[in-house]
Amino acid sequence: MTPEERESIILEAVERAMLVVPDVWANLINDHKYSTTINADFQKAHSEFKGHGDIVTSVVAEIDGTFPLLSYEAKLKKAAPIIRERIGTTKRLDMKNVNRTPSRKLPSMGSNGEL
């Protein structure tokens, strides 16, 4: 292959890639607009989740990893009851009166249950 042929192949590949860029950008913008709308609707429907963004984010990421082929809307529907449960769990935790010397005996582990 001559250097001219090589250069011609490279230029053709670059041109093809450049022709695809507008479509890629359009798809990214549409996807962003879609997810922004769904997120806004989800926040309106579940105002009790306000202030618990860390829980919402982790649960949605967990659902996304477990069910990657579901639509985003379906993932949010699956996530809502789990988010409620985790928020309820964290509300029951006493973060002010923490036992600094918890028991290290774990009877459920048998005779080797002490740490």
Protein backbone atom coordinates (compact mmCIF):
# COMPACT_ATOMS: atom_id res chain seq x y z
CA MET A 1 0.00 0.00 0.00
CA THR A 2 1.39 3.33 -1.00
CA PRO A 3 1.41 6.30 1.36
CA GLU A 4 -1.14 8.04 -0.88
CA GLU A 5 -3.53 5.06 -0.66
CA ARG A 6 -3.10 4.92 3.10
CA GLU A 7 -3.80 8.65 3.42
CA SER A 8 -6.87 8.32 1.19
CA ILE A 9 -8.28 5.51 3.38
CA ILE A 10 -7.67 7.54 6.54
CA LEU A 11 -9.34 10.64 5.09
CA GLU A 12 -12.36 8.61 3.99
CA ALA A 13 -12.71 7.09 7.47
CA VAL A 14 -12.48 10.53 9.09
CA GLU A 15 -15.08 11.92 6.69
CA ARG A 16 -17.49 9.09 7.48
CA ALA A 17 -16.99 9.61 11.21
CA MET A 18 -17.61 13.35 10.86
CA LEU A 19 -20.84 12.70 8.96
CA VAL A 20 -22.16 10.66 11.90
CA VAL A 21 -21.40 13.28 14.57
CA PRO A 22 -24.61 15.35 14.10
CA ASP A 23 -26.77 12.23 14.55
CA VAL A 24 -24.85 11.25 17.67
CA TRP A 25 -25.34 14.73 19.15
CA ALA A 26 -29.04 14.72 18.30
CA ASN A 27 -29.48 11.34 20.01
CA LEU A 28 -27.61 12.52 23.10
CA ILE A 29 -29.73 15.67 23.34
CA ASN A 30 -32.97 13.71 22.91
CA ASP A 31 -31.87 11.19 25.54
CA HIS A 32 -30.97 13.97 27.98
CA LYS A 33 -34.30 15.72 27.41
CA TYR A 34 -36.18 12.44 27.93
CA SER A 35 -34.36 11.55 31.14
CA THR A 36 -34.74 15.10 32.50
CA THR A 37 -38.49 14.97 31.92
CA ILE A 38 -38.83 11.54 33.52
CA ASN A 39 -36.72 12.58 36.51
CA ALA A 40 -38.82 15.72 37.01
CA ASP A 41 -42.03 13.66 36.84
CA PHE A 42 -40.58 11.12 39.29
CA GLN A 43 -39.63 13.88 41.73
CA LYS A 44 -43.12 15.41 41.51
CA ALA A 45 -44.77 12.03 42.10
CA HIS A 46 -42.47 11.18 45.02
CA SER A 47 -41.92 14.39 46.93
CA GLU A 48 -41.23 12.31 50.07
CA PHE A 49 -37.84 11.40 48.53
CA LYS A 50 -36.68 15.03 48.66
CA GLY A 51 -33.52 15.34 50.71
CA HIS A 52 -32.63 11.68 50.19
CA GLY A 53 -30.80 12.01 46.89
CA ASP A 54 -28.02 9.68 47.97
CA ILE A 55 -30.51 6.88 48.64
CA VAL A 56 -32.42 7.53 45.41
CA THR A 57 -29.22 7.53 43.37
CA SER A 58 -27.85 4.33 44.90
CA VAL A 59 -31.13 2.43 44.55
CA VAL A 60 -31.63 3.51 40.93
CA ALA A 61 -28.03 2.50 40.15
CA GLU A 62 -28.61 -0.88 41.82
CA ILE A 63 -31.81 -1.44 39.81
CA ASP A 64 -30.02 -0.34 36.64
CA GLY A 65 -27.27 -2.87 37.26
CA THR A 66 -29.72 -5.67 38.05
CA PHE A 67 -32.13 -4.96 35.18
CA PRO A 68 -30.06 -3.28 32.43
CA LEU A 69 -32.57 -3.96 29.67
CA LEU A 70 -35.58 -2.34 31.38
CA SER A 71 -36.70 1.09 30.26
CA TYR A 72 -35.74 3.95 32.54
CA GLU A 73 -39.39 4.44 33.53
CA ALA A 74 -39.70 0.79 34.56
CA LYS A 75 -36.48 1.06 36.58
CA LEU A 76 -37.87 4.06 38.46
CA LYS A 77 -41.10 2.17 39.19
CA LYS A 78 -39.11 -0.76 40.58
CA ALA A 79 -36.92 1.60 42.61
CA ALA A 80 -39.71 3.56 44.36
CA PRO A 81 -40.70 0.90 46.97
CA ILE A 82 -37.05 0.09 47.72
CA ILE A 83 -36.29 3.78 48.19
CA ARG A 84 -39.22 4.11 50.62
CA GLU A 85 -37.97 1.10 52.57
CA ARG A 86 -34.40 2.44 52.82
CA ILE A 87 -35.58 5.90 53.87
CA GLY A 88 -37.68 4.24 56.58
CA THR A 89 -34.68 2.24 57.73
CA THR A 90 -32.44 5.29 57.97
CA LYS A 91 -35.09 7.24 59.88
CA ARG A 92 -35.07 4.56 62.59
CA LEU A 93 -31.31 4.83 63.10
CA ASP A 94 -30.16 6.88 66.07
CA MET A 95 -27.17 8.82 64.83
CA LYS A 96 -26.80 10.97 67.97
CA ASN A 97 -26.53 8.28 70.65
CA VAL A 98 -24.06 5.88 69.09
CA ASN A 99 -22.69 3.07 71.26
CA ARG A 100 -18.93 3.53 71.01
CA THR A 101 -18.21 0.07 72.49
CA PRO A 102 -20.65 -2.38 70.90
CA SER A 103 -20.68 -6.02 71.96
CA ARG A 104 -18.26 -8.09 69.94
CA LYS A 105 -20.01 -11.37 70.73
CA LEU A 106 -21.95 -12.77 67.84
CA PRO A 107 -23.85 -15.81 69.16
CA SER A 108 -25.25 -16.63 65.73
CA MET A 109 -21.73 -17.55 64.63
CA GLY A 110 -21.28 -20.26 67.25
CA SER A 111 -18.31 -20.59 69.56
CA ASN A 112 -16.05 -18.63 67.22
CA GLY A 113 -18.38 -15.65 67.16
CA GLU A 114 -16.22 -13.23 69.14
CA LEU A 115 -14.22 -10.69 67.16
